[in-house]
Amino acid sequence: MEVIAHIHTDFPQKFGVPRQSGVVDSLKATIHFEPKFADPAAVRGIEGFSHLWLIWQFEGVERPGPDGTPAFSPTVRPPRLGGNERMGVFATRSPFRPNALGLSSVKLERVEITDRGPVLHVTGADLRDNTPIFDIKPYLPSADCHPAATGGFTDERSWHPATVDFPAELQAKVPADKLQALTDVLAQDPRPSFQHDPERVYAMAFGSQDVRFTVSEEQGESILHVVAVDDR
């Protein structure tokens, strides 16, 4: 397979990336095609679709076996289960799988034609910056939407967004066009689900800044406290 494009997002690191596509609709990203595929004709008609499927590559998750090929583990520890229970790899969306392929649905906001080819502006992506993309396909509501679908073990574990305590003086340090997206990302509580130390200060890279925060539990509710925003 050939890489056809790369996506550019505000996540230079894995920590903080939403756990699924579409959960933070305010996140903006752009998709830039490799020269071989940067032909405007290749995206002719794509603007008629509201959403797209991206097929892409997880990076940094390779686990080589003794023969040099990727090691295979039939079970993984899903974050939704607190990282303590194992499920079959094919019953999860874990990045640790036989082929490191990801699948995401994003909203297409607009198509920009530049001197270097088309650029797709999308929202709701759950990809790290510069992630390689293998294919782009239109989302078809008539075929891809299943209102009666069930979510397996994810339906059994309720999840609620965290309340974000973001002081005004720290909000003022964030570019205005990125503040809502950052707040929405923080509300997803980027911590690993097995970490609950209220004294620990977490650092998340977002755009050109590092955001530091702590998380406390009050009456069963998670409160995320932003304590610093610094330029990198």
C-alpha atoms as a PDB file:
ATOM      1  CA  MET A   1       0.000   0.000   0.000  1.00  0.00           C
ATOM      2  CA  GLU A   2       1.094   3.552  -0.649  1.00  0.00           C
ATOM      3  CA  VAL A   3       0.591   6.538   1.607  1.00  0.00           C
ATOM      4  CA  ILE A   4      -1.676   8.933  -0.308  1.00  0.00           C
ATOM      5  CA  ALA A   5      -1.758  11.820   2.175  1.00  0.00           C
ATOM      6  CA  HIS A   6      -0.901  13.076   5.649  1.00  0.00           C
ATOM      7  CA  ILE A   7      -3.187  14.809   8.103  1.00  0.00           C
ATOM      8  CA  HIS A   8      -2.166  17.850  10.135  1.00  0.00           C
ATOM      9  CA  THR A   9      -3.746  18.252  13.569  1.00  0.00           C
ATOM     10  CA  ASP A  10      -3.023  20.012  16.869  1.00  0.00           C
ATOM     11  CA  PHE A  11      -1.697  16.816  18.466  1.00  0.00           C
ATOM     12  CA  PRO A  12       2.087  16.432  18.091  1.00  0.00           C
ATOM     13  CA  GLN A  13       1.908  13.593  20.626  1.00  0.00           C
ATOM     14  CA  LYS A  14      -0.478  10.716  21.249  1.00  0.00           C
ATOM     15  CA  PHE A  15      -1.522  11.922  24.716  1.00  0.00           C
ATOM     16  CA  GLY A  16      -4.723  13.948  24.451  1.00  0.00           C
ATOM     17  CA  VAL A  17      -5.905  12.592  21.105  1.00  0.00           C
ATOM     18  CA  PRO A  18      -9.654  11.814  21.405  1.00  0.00           C
ATOM     19  CA  ARG A  19     -10.368   8.117  21.881  1.00  0.00           C
ATOM     20  CA  GLN A  20     -12.754   8.058  18.916  1.00  0.00           C
ATOM     21  CA  SER A  21     -13.418  10.216  15.887  1.00  0.00           C
ATOM     22  CA  GLY A  22     -16.334  12.616  16.051  1.00  0.00           C
ATOM     23  CA  VAL A  23     -16.401  12.991  19.837  1.00  0.00           C
ATOM     24  CA  VAL A  24     -14.787  16.447  19.608  1.00  0.00           C
ATOM     25  CA  ASP A  25     -16.438  18.076  16.607  1.00  0.00           C
ATOM     26  CA  SER A  26     -14.657  21.389  17.214  1.00  0.00           C
ATOM     27  CA  LEU A  27     -11.232  19.937  16.362  1.00  0.00           C
ATOM     28  CA  LYS A  28      -9.970  21.153  12.985  1.00  0.00           C
ATOM     29  CA  ALA A  29      -7.491  19.376  10.719  1.00  0.00           C
ATOM     30  CA  THR A  30      -6.246  19.478   7.141  1.00  0.00           C
ATOM     31  CA  ILE A  31      -5.378  16.613   4.798  1.00  0.00           C
ATOM     32  CA  HIS A  32      -2.546  17.182   2.312  1.00  0.00           C
ATOM     33  CA  PHE A  33      -1.944  14.743  -0.540  1.00  0.00           C
ATOM     34  CA  GLU A  34       1.381  13.285  -1.589  1.00  0.00           C
ATOM     35  CA  PRO A  35       2.574  14.703  -4.965  1.00  0.00           C
ATOM     36  CA  LYS A  36       1.610  11.545  -6.870  1.00  0.00           C
ATOM     37  CA  PHE A  37      -2.002  11.866  -5.698  1.00  0.00           C
ATOM     38  CA  ALA A  38      -2.300  15.673  -5.520  1.00  0.00           C
ATOM     39  CA  ASP A  39      -4.493  15.917  -8.606  1.00  0.00           C
ATOM     40  CA  PRO A  40      -7.697  17.973  -8.194  1.00  0.00           C
ATOM     41  CA  ALA A  41      -9.426  15.435 -10.421  1.00  0.00           C
ATOM     42  CA  ALA A  42      -8.944  12.806  -7.697  1.00  0.00           C
ATOM     43  CA  VAL A  43     -11.347  14.652  -5.373  1.00  0.00           C
ATOM     44  CA  ARG A  44     -13.873  15.694  -8.015  1.00  0.00           C
ATOM     45  CA  GLY A  45     -17.345  15.328  -6.477  1.00  0.00           C
ATOM     46  CA  ILE A  46     -16.108  14.855  -2.915  1.00  0.00           C
ATOM     47  CA  GLU A  47     -17.547  18.198  -1.780  1.00  0.00           C
ATOM     48  CA  GLY A  48     -21.024  16.685  -2.113  1.00  0.00           C
ATOM     49  CA  PHE A  49     -20.406  14.401   0.873  1.00  0.00           C
ATOM     50  CA  SER A  50     -20.694  15.695   4.424  1.00  0.00           C
ATOM     51  CA  HIS A  51     -18.455  13.035   5.981  1.00  0.00           C
ATOM     52  CA  LEU A  52     -15.509  10.880   4.951  1.00  0.00           C
ATOM     53  CA  TRP A  53     -13.895   7.644   6.067  1.00  0.00           C
ATOM     54  CA  LEU A  54     -10.137   7.772   6.614  1.00  0.00           C
ATOM     55  CA  ILE A  55      -8.035   4.606   6.590  1.00  0.00           C
ATOM     56  CA  TRP A  56      -4.716   5.360   8.237  1.00  0.00           C
ATOM     57  CA  GLN A  57      -1.708   3.925  10.046  1.00  0.00           C
ATOM     58  CA  PHE A  58      -1.117   3.772  13.783  1.00  0.00           C
ATOM     59  CA  GLU A  59       2.472   4.751  14.512  1.00  0.00           C
ATOM     60  CA  GLY A  60       4.753   3.727  17.330  1.00  0.00           C
ATOM     61  CA  VAL A  61       2.759   0.599  18.253  1.00  0.00           C
ATOM     62  CA  GLU A  62       4.855  -2.067  16.552  1.00  0.00           C
ATOM     63  CA  ARG A  63       5.764  -5.027  18.749  1.00  0.00           C
ATOM     64  CA  PRO A  64       8.272  -7.146  16.805  1.00  0.00           C
ATOM     65  CA  GLY A  65       8.307 -10.873  17.500  1.00  0.00           C
ATOM     66  CA  PRO A  66      11.354 -13.159  17.531  1.00  0.00           C
ATOM     67  CA  ASP A  67      11.273 -13.523  13.738  1.00  0.00           C
ATOM     68  CA  GLY A  68      11.153  -9.759  13.172  1.00  0.00           C
ATOM     69  CA  THR A  69       7.493  -9.674  12.147  1.00  0.00           C
ATOM     70  CA  PRO A  70       4.906  -7.921  14.356  1.00  0.00           C
ATOM     71  CA  ALA A  71       4.009  -9.969  17.425  1.00  0.00           C
ATOM     72  CA  PHE A  72       0.365 -10.994  17.746  1.00  0.00           C
ATOM     73  CA  SER A  73      -1.561 -10.758  20.995  1.00  0.00           C
ATOM     74  CA  PRO A  74      -5.125 -12.125  20.818  1.00  0.00           C
ATOM     75  CA  THR A  75      -6.292  -9.949  23.721  1.00  0.00           C
ATOM     76  CA  VAL A  76      -5.851  -6.320  24.772  1.00  0.00           C
ATOM     77  CA  ARG A  77      -6.903  -4.113  27.698  1.00  0.00           C
ATOM     78  CA  PRO A  78      -9.546  -1.598  26.509  1.00  0.00           C
ATOM     79  CA  PRO A  79      -9.369   1.813  28.243  1.00  0.00           C
ATOM     80  CA  ARG A  80     -13.167   1.831  28.599  1.00  0.00           C
ATOM     81  CA  LEU A  81     -12.789  -1.132  30.985  1.00  0.00           C
ATOM     82  CA  GLY A  82     -10.183   0.665  33.073  1.00  0.00           C
ATOM     83  CA  GLY A  83      -7.247  -1.172  31.565  1.00  0.00           C
ATOM     84  CA  ASN A  84      -7.850  -4.097  33.923  1.00  0.00           C
ATOM     85  CA  GLU A  85      -9.932  -6.493  31.824  1.00  0.00           C
ATOM     86  CA  ARG A  86      -8.914  -8.230  28.630  1.00  0.00           C
ATOM     87  CA  MET A  87     -11.007  -8.469  25.480  1.00  0.00           C
ATOM     88  CA  GLY A  88     -10.310 -10.000  22.097  1.00  0.00           C
ATOM     89  CA  VAL A  89      -8.320  -7.638  19.893  1.00  0.00           C
ATOM     90  CA  PHE A  90     -10.964  -7.892  17.158  1.00  0.00           C
ATOM     91  CA  ALA A  91     -13.644  -6.836  19.662  1.00  0.00           C
ATOM     92  CA  THR A  92     -11.805  -3.539  20.279  1.00  0.00           C
ATOM     93  CA  ARG A  93     -10.330  -0.582  18.451  1.00  0.00           C
ATOM     94  CA  SER A  94      -6.968  -0.939  20.126  1.00  0.00           C
ATOM     95  CA  PRO A  95      -3.962   0.230  18.057  1.00  0.00           C
ATOM     96  CA  PHE A  96      -2.132  -2.985  19.010  1.00  0.00           C
ATOM     97  CA  ARG A  97      -3.422  -5.231  16.234  1.00  0.00           C
ATOM     98  CA  PRO A  98      -1.967  -7.498  13.516  1.00  0.00           C
ATOM     99  CA  ASN A  99      -2.068  -4.668  10.986  1.00  0.00           C
ATOM    100  CA  ALA A 100      -1.746  -1.184  12.472  1.00  0.00           C
ATOM    101  CA  LEU A 101      -4.695   0.279  10.574  1.00  0.00           C
ATOM    102  CA  GLY A 102      -7.060   2.901  11.955  1.00  0.00           C
ATOM    103  CA  LEU A 103     -10.528   3.844  10.698  1.00  0.00           C
ATOM    104  CA  SER A 104     -12.046   7.260  11.388  1.00  0.00           C
ATOM    105  CA  SER A 105     -15.115   9.150  10.245  1.00  0.00           C
ATOM    106  CA  VAL A 106     -14.579  12.908   9.887  1.00  0.00           C
ATOM    107  CA  LYS A 107     -16.728  15.794   8.709  1.00  0.00           C
ATOM    108  CA  LEU A 108     -15.659  17.468   5.478  1.00  0.00           C
ATOM    109  CA  GLU A 109     -15.897  21.230   5.920  1.00  0.00           C
ATOM    110  CA  ARG A 110     -14.475  22.348   2.574  1.00  0.00           C
ATOM    111  CA  VAL A 111     -12.067  21.560  -0.238  1.00  0.00           C
ATOM    112  CA  GLU A 112      -9.262  24.010  -0.965  1.00  0.00           C
ATOM    113  CA  ILE A 113      -7.386  23.868  -4.276  1.00  0.00           C
ATOM    114  CA  THR A 114      -3.794  25.079  -3.876  1.00  0.00           C
ATOM    115  CA  ASP A 115      -0.675  25.193  -6.036  1.00  0.00           C
ATOM    116  CA  ARG A 116       0.350  21.896  -4.422  1.00  0.00           C
ATOM    117  CA  GLY A 117      -2.962  20.191  -5.014  1.00  0.00           C
ATOM    118  CA  PRO A 118      -6.214  19.811  -3.073  1.00  0.00           C
ATOM    119  CA  VAL A 119      -6.381  20.247   0.688  1.00  0.00           C
ATOM    120  CA  LEU A 120      -9.292  18.766   2.611  1.00  0.00           C
ATOM    121  CA  HIS A 121     -10.431  20.714   5.673  1.00  0.00           C
ATOM    122  CA  VAL A 122     -12.084  18.346   8.148  1.00  0.00           C
ATOM    123  CA  THR A 123     -13.307  18.334  11.750  1.00  0.00           C
ATOM    124  CA  GLY A 124     -13.644  15.646  14.412  1.00  0.00           C
ATOM    125  CA  ALA A 125     -10.436  13.733  13.619  1.00  0.00           C
ATOM    126  CA  ASP A 126      -8.785  11.519  16.238  1.00  0.00           C
ATOM    127  CA  LEU A 127      -5.351  11.383  14.600  1.00  0.00           C
ATOM    128  CA  ARG A 128      -1.938  12.568  15.672  1.00  0.00           C
ATOM    129  CA  ASP A 129      -0.254  15.261  13.580  1.00  0.00           C
ATOM    130  CA  ASN A 130       1.350  13.999  10.360  1.00  0.00           C
ATOM    131  CA  THR A 131      -0.373  10.594  10.512  1.00  0.00           C
ATOM    132  CA  PRO A 132      -0.090   8.801   7.140  1.00  0.00           C
ATOM    133  CA  ILE A 133      -3.367   8.083   5.338  1.00  0.00           C
ATOM    134  CA  PHE A 134      -3.800   5.120   3.005  1.00  0.00           C
ATOM    135  CA  ASP A 135      -7.264   5.837   1.646  1.00  0.00           C
ATOM    136  CA  ILE A 136     -10.225   8.219   1.763  1.00  0.00           C
ATOM    137  CA  LYS A 137     -13.766   7.085   1.053  1.00  0.00           C
ATOM    138  CA  PRO A 138     -17.117   8.900   1.222  1.00  0.00           C
ATOM    139  CA  TYR A 139     -19.413   8.152   4.148  1.00  0.00           C
ATOM    140  CA  LEU A 140     -22.785   6.933   2.875  1.00  0.00           C
ATOM    141  CA  PRO A 141     -25.690   7.406   5.314  1.00  0.00           C
ATOM    142  CA  SER A 142     -27.804   4.836   3.495  1.00  0.00           C
ATOM    143  CA  ALA A 143     -25.184   2.111   3.958  1.00  0.00           C
ATOM    144  CA  ASP A 144     -22.966   3.206   6.842  1.00  0.00           C
ATOM    145  CA  CYS A 145     -25.531   4.354   9.413  1.00  0.00           C
ATOM    146  CA  HIS A 146     -27.128   1.630  11.568  1.00  0.00           C
ATOM    147  CA  PRO A 147     -29.464   3.249  14.153  1.00  0.00           C
ATOM    148  CA  ALA A 148     -30.247  -0.088  15.825  1.00  0.00           C
ATOM    149  CA  ALA A 149     -26.599  -1.087  16.263  1.00  0.00           C
ATOM    150  CA  THR A 150     -25.353  -2.124  19.709  1.00  0.00           C
ATOM    151  CA  GLY A 151     -22.026  -1.160  21.281  1.00  0.00           C
ATOM    152  CA  GLY A 152     -21.062  -4.352  23.105  1.00  0.00           C
ATOM    153  CA  PHE A 153     -19.189  -3.835  26.361  1.00  0.00           C
ATOM    154  CA  THR A 154     -18.958  -0.076  25.699  1.00  0.00           C
ATOM    155  CA  ASP A 155     -22.726   0.183  26.243  1.00  0.00           C
ATOM    156  CA  GLU A 156     -22.302  -1.312  29.708  1.00  0.00           C
ATOM    157  CA  ARG A 157     -19.833   1.306  30.950  1.00  0.00           C
ATOM    158  CA  SER A 158     -21.319   4.759  31.285  1.00  0.00           C
ATOM    159  CA  TRP A 159     -19.046   7.695  30.583  1.00  0.00           C
ATOM    160  CA  HIS A 160     -19.533  11.372  31.393  1.00  0.00           C
ATOM    161  CA  PRO A 161     -17.380  14.329  30.331  1.00  0.00           C
ATOM    162  CA  ALA A 162     -15.297  16.037  32.969  1.00  0.00           C
ATOM    163  CA  THR A 163     -16.046  19.559  34.146  1.00  0.00           C
ATOM    164  CA  VAL A 164     -13.203  21.809  33.020  1.00  0.00           C
ATOM    165  CA  ASP A 165     -11.957  24.443  35.476  1.00  0.00           C
ATOM    166  CA  PHE A 166     -10.085  26.763  33.111  1.00  0.00           C
ATOM    167  CA  PRO A 167      -9.123  30.111  34.702  1.00  0.00           C
ATOM    168  CA  ALA A 168      -9.729  33.145  32.481  1.00  0.00           C
ATOM    169  CA  GLU A 169      -6.101  34.287  32.706  1.00  0.00           C
ATOM    170  CA  LEU A 170      -4.966  30.938  31.284  1.00  0.00           C
ATOM    171  CA  GLN A 171      -7.663  30.902  28.614  1.00  0.00           C
ATOM    172  CA  ALA A 172      -6.285  34.253  27.426  1.00  0.00           C
ATOM    173  CA  LYS A 173      -2.998  32.527  26.523  1.00  0.00           C
ATOM    174  CA  VAL A 174      -4.715  30.208  24.029  1.00  0.00           C
ATOM    175  CA  PRO A 175      -5.382  31.399  20.449  1.00  0.00           C
ATOM    176  CA  ALA A 176      -9.064  32.304  20.207  1.00  0.00           C
ATOM    177  CA  ASP A 177      -9.687  29.925  17.311  1.00  0.00           C
ATOM    178  CA  LYS A 178      -8.342  26.972  19.310  1.00  0.00           C
ATOM    179  CA  LEU A 179      -9.835  27.627  22.749  1.00  0.00           C
ATOM    180  CA  GLN A 180     -13.128  25.775  22.235  1.00  0.00           C
ATOM    181  CA  ALA A 181     -11.423  22.727  20.733  1.00  0.00           C
ATOM    182  CA  LEU A 182      -8.898  22.603  23.574  1.00  0.00           C
ATOM    183  CA  THR A 183     -11.644  22.870  26.193  1.00  0.00           C
ATOM    184  CA  ASP A 184     -13.618  20.097  24.505  1.00  0.00           C
ATOM    185  CA  VAL A 185     -10.532  17.860  24.391  1.00  0.00           C
ATOM    186  CA  LEU A 186      -9.873  18.422  28.095  1.00  0.00           C
ATOM    187  CA  ALA A 187     -13.496  17.541  28.883  1.00  0.00           C
ATOM    188  CA  GLN A 188     -12.770  14.087  27.455  1.00  0.00           C
ATOM    189  CA  ASP A 189     -10.269  13.611  30.337  1.00  0.00           C
ATOM    190  CA  PRO A 190      -7.115  12.538  28.454  1.00  0.00           C
ATOM    191  CA  ARG A 191      -5.694  10.597  31.422  1.00  0.00           C
ATOM    192  CA  PRO A 192      -5.257   6.828  31.174  1.00  0.00           C
ATOM    193  CA  SER A 193      -8.369   5.391  32.779  1.00  0.00           C
ATOM    194  CA  PHE A 194      -6.374   3.608  35.500  1.00  0.00           C
ATOM    195  CA  GLN A 195      -4.737   6.796  36.848  1.00  0.00           C
ATOM    196  CA  HIS A 196      -6.576   8.601  39.648  1.00  0.00           C
ATOM    197  CA  ASP A 197      -3.892  10.510  41.554  1.00  0.00           C
ATOM    198  CA  PRO A 198      -5.334  13.982  42.336  1.00  0.00           C
ATOM    199  CA  GLU A 199      -1.832  15.330  43.039  1.00  0.00           C
ATOM    200  CA  ARG A 200      -0.356  14.357  39.696  1.00  0.00           C
ATOM    201  CA  VAL A 201       0.161  17.129  37.142  1.00  0.00           C
ATOM    202  CA  TYR A 202      -0.410  15.977  33.567  1.00  0.00           C
ATOM    203  CA  ALA A 203       1.064  17.713  30.512  1.00  0.00           C
ATOM    204  CA  MET A 204      -0.623  17.665  27.118  1.00  0.00           C
ATOM    205  CA  ALA A 205       0.784  19.170  23.923  1.00  0.00           C
ATOM    206  CA  PHE A 206      -1.830  21.024  21.894  1.00  0.00           C
ATOM    207  CA  GLY A 207      -0.846  23.065  18.877  1.00  0.00           C
ATOM    208  CA  SER A 208       2.234  25.093  19.818  1.00  0.00           C
ATOM    209  CA  GLN A 209       1.501  24.997  23.547  1.00  0.00           C
ATOM    210  CA  ASP A 210       1.812  22.681  26.540  1.00  0.00           C
ATOM    211  CA  VAL A 211      -1.231  22.513  28.797  1.00  0.00           C
ATOM    212  CA  ARG A 212      -0.820  21.224  32.353  1.00  0.00           C
ATOM    213  CA  PHE A 213      -3.699  20.029  34.506  1.00  0.00           C
ATOM    214  CA  THR A 214      -4.763  18.009  37.527  1.00  0.00           C
ATOM    215  CA  VAL A 215      -7.974  16.037  38.025  1.00  0.00           C
ATOM    216  CA  SER A 216      -9.991  15.712  41.213  1.00  0.00           C
ATOM    217  CA  GLU A 217     -13.096  13.687  42.002  1.00  0.00           C
ATOM    218  CA  GLU A 218     -15.953  15.474  43.755  1.00  0.00           C
ATOM    219  CA  GLN A 219     -19.186  13.623  44.508  1.00  0.00           C
ATOM    220  CA  GLY A 220     -18.551  11.177  41.700  1.00  0.00           C
ATOM    221  CA  GLU A 221     -17.769  13.919  39.179  1.00  0.00           C
ATOM    222  CA  SER A 222     -14.382  14.484  37.566  1.00  0.00           C
ATOM    223  CA  ILE A 223     -13.131  18.069  37.745  1.00  0.00           C
ATOM    224  CA  LEU A 224     -10.193  18.876  35.459  1.00  0.00           C
ATOM    225  CA  HIS A 225      -8.214  21.884  36.673  1.00  0.00           C
ATOM    226  CA  VAL A 226      -5.979  23.658  34.160  1.00  0.00           C
ATOM    227  CA  VAL A 227      -2.949  24.933  36.067  1.00  0.00           C
ATOM    228  CA  ALA A 228      -0.602  26.199  33.319  1.00  0.00           C
ATOM    229  CA  VAL A 229      -0.476  27.026  29.613  1.00  0.00           C
ATOM    230  CA  ASP A 230       3.009  27.562  28.177  1.00  0.00           C
ATOM    231  CA  ASP A 231       4.331  28.118  24.676  1.00  0.00           C
ATOM    232  CA  ARG A 232       6.729  25.479  23.418  1.00  0.00           C
END
